Amino acid sequence: MNAYVGALVVFDQQQLVGILSERDVIRRCLGIDLHVDETAVAMVMTKTPITIDAGSSLANALEVMQTGGFHHLPVTKDGQLIGLLELDDIPEEYHLLLEQFKELRAR
């Protein structure tokens, strides 16, 4: 099985301080001709990421990601990181249902 990882969470001690995504590396490092072997993670990661509680709905998580314009959302339980939800983890049908729900709500 090939496990693709599109992002990593970054900790300082026990504190979540950022997310380093493939897009971060491309846009904030390679896109401005920095060398990946000479660039600190802290320079290109997304700092102080928004998180979501594990008890939140999938629709809420999707809305948070769409509103924020990001593809990765750290999931917490009792203030502790327990996972990382990726936009691609959410089936396309949920995306469509959320859009329909927003349209109905706007009427």
Protein backbone atom coordinates (compact mmCIF):
# COMPACT_ATOMS: atom_id res chain seq x y z
CA MET A 1 0.00 0.00 0.00
CA ASN A 2 1.31 3.42 -0.95
CA ALA A 3 0.62 6.00 1.77
CA TYR A 4 0.65 9.55 0.42
CA VAL A 5 1.14 12.30 2.99
CA GLY A 6 0.22 15.82 1.87
CA ALA A 7 0.94 17.58 5.16
CA LEU A 8 2.60 17.21 8.54
CA VAL A 9 1.72 18.78 11.86
CA VAL A 10 4.47 20.72 13.60
CA PHE A 11 4.90 20.76 17.37
CA ASP A 12 7.04 22.82 19.72
CA GLN A 13 7.24 20.80 22.91
CA GLN A 14 3.64 19.54 23.27
CA GLN A 15 2.06 22.56 21.51
CA LEU A 16 0.71 22.46 17.95
CA VAL A 17 2.39 25.41 16.22
CA GLY A 18 1.84 24.77 12.53
CA ILE A 19 1.17 22.61 9.53
CA LEU A 20 3.68 22.01 6.77
CA SER A 21 1.88 21.10 3.58
CA GLU A 22 3.09 20.21 0.14
CA ARG A 23 1.53 23.49 -1.07
CA ASP A 24 3.48 25.44 1.58
CA VAL A 25 6.76 23.98 0.34
CA ILE A 26 5.92 24.67 -3.30
CA ARG A 27 4.62 28.22 -2.79
CA ARG A 28 6.79 29.50 0.07
CA CYS A 29 10.04 27.72 -0.68
CA LEU A 30 10.42 26.45 -4.23
CA GLY A 31 8.26 29.25 -5.62
CA ILE A 32 10.73 31.86 -4.43
CA ASP A 33 13.88 29.86 -5.14
CA LEU A 34 14.72 28.84 -1.58
CA HIS A 35 16.60 25.58 -1.17
CA VAL A 36 14.66 22.95 0.77
CA ASP A 37 17.80 21.65 2.43
CA GLU A 38 18.62 25.12 3.78
CA THR A 39 15.13 26.36 4.72
CA ALA A 40 13.71 25.89 8.21
CA VAL A 41 10.25 24.37 8.51
CA ALA A 42 9.15 27.37 10.61
CA MET A 43 9.83 29.68 7.66
CA VAL A 44 7.34 28.01 5.32
CA MET A 45 4.75 26.28 7.49
CA THR A 46 1.27 27.63 8.10
CA LYS A 47 1.49 28.98 11.63
CA THR A 48 -1.13 28.59 14.38
CA PRO A 49 -3.55 26.50 12.32
CA ILE A 50 -7.26 26.48 12.97
CA THR A 51 -8.39 23.22 14.57
CA ILE A 52 -11.71 21.45 14.88
CA ASP A 53 -13.10 19.27 17.64
CA ALA A 54 -13.64 15.59 16.83
CA GLY A 55 -17.30 15.95 17.82
CA SER A 56 -17.96 18.56 15.14
CA SER A 57 -19.94 17.59 12.07
CA LEU A 58 -18.29 16.76 8.79
CA ALA A 59 -20.29 19.59 7.19
CA ASN A 60 -18.81 22.02 9.75
CA ALA A 61 -15.28 20.77 9.04
CA LEU A 62 -15.79 21.16 5.30
CA GLU A 63 -17.18 24.67 5.73
CA VAL A 64 -14.22 25.67 7.92
CA MET A 65 -11.81 24.37 5.28
CA GLN A 66 -13.62 26.05 2.39
CA THR A 67 -13.92 29.36 4.24
CA GLY A 68 -10.26 29.30 5.28
CA GLY A 69 -9.05 28.14 1.88
CA PHE A 70 -6.98 25.27 3.24
CA HIS A 71 -6.85 21.56 2.55
CA HIS A 72 -5.81 20.23 5.97
CA LEU A 73 -7.57 20.60 9.31
CA PRO A 74 -6.12 19.33 12.60
CA VAL A 75 -8.69 17.40 14.63
CA THR A 76 -8.60 17.64 18.42
CA LYS A 77 -10.28 15.92 21.33
CA ASP A 78 -10.07 17.42 24.80
CA GLY A 79 -7.50 19.87 23.44
CA GLN A 80 -5.16 17.14 22.17
CA LEU A 81 -4.40 16.51 18.51
CA ILE A 82 -5.83 13.17 17.40
CA GLY A 83 -5.71 13.45 13.62
CA LEU A 84 -5.44 15.51 10.48
CA LEU A 85 -8.44 15.72 8.15
CA GLU A 86 -7.60 16.34 4.50
CA LEU A 87 -10.03 17.86 2.03
CA ASP A 88 -9.58 14.82 -0.20
CA ASP A 89 -10.76 12.61 2.70
CA ILE A 90 -14.25 14.08 2.34
CA PRO A 91 -16.28 12.49 -0.47
CA GLU A 92 -17.34 14.80 -3.30
CA GLU A 93 -20.99 14.11 -2.47
CA TYR A 94 -20.56 15.94 0.85
CA HIS A 95 -19.13 18.94 -0.97
CA LEU A 96 -22.19 19.01 -3.22
CA LEU A 97 -24.61 18.55 -0.33
CA LEU A 98 -23.00 21.42 1.57
CA GLU A 99 -23.31 23.71 -1.45
CA GLN A 100 -27.00 22.79 -1.84
CA PHE A 101 -27.58 23.40 1.86
CA LYS A 102 -25.93 26.84 1.63
CA GLU A 103 -28.15 27.72 -1.32
CA LEU A 104 -31.28 26.68 0.56
CA ARG A 105 -30.18 28.62 3.63
CA ALA A 106 -29.61 31.76 1.53
CA ARG A 107 -33.21 31.77 0.25
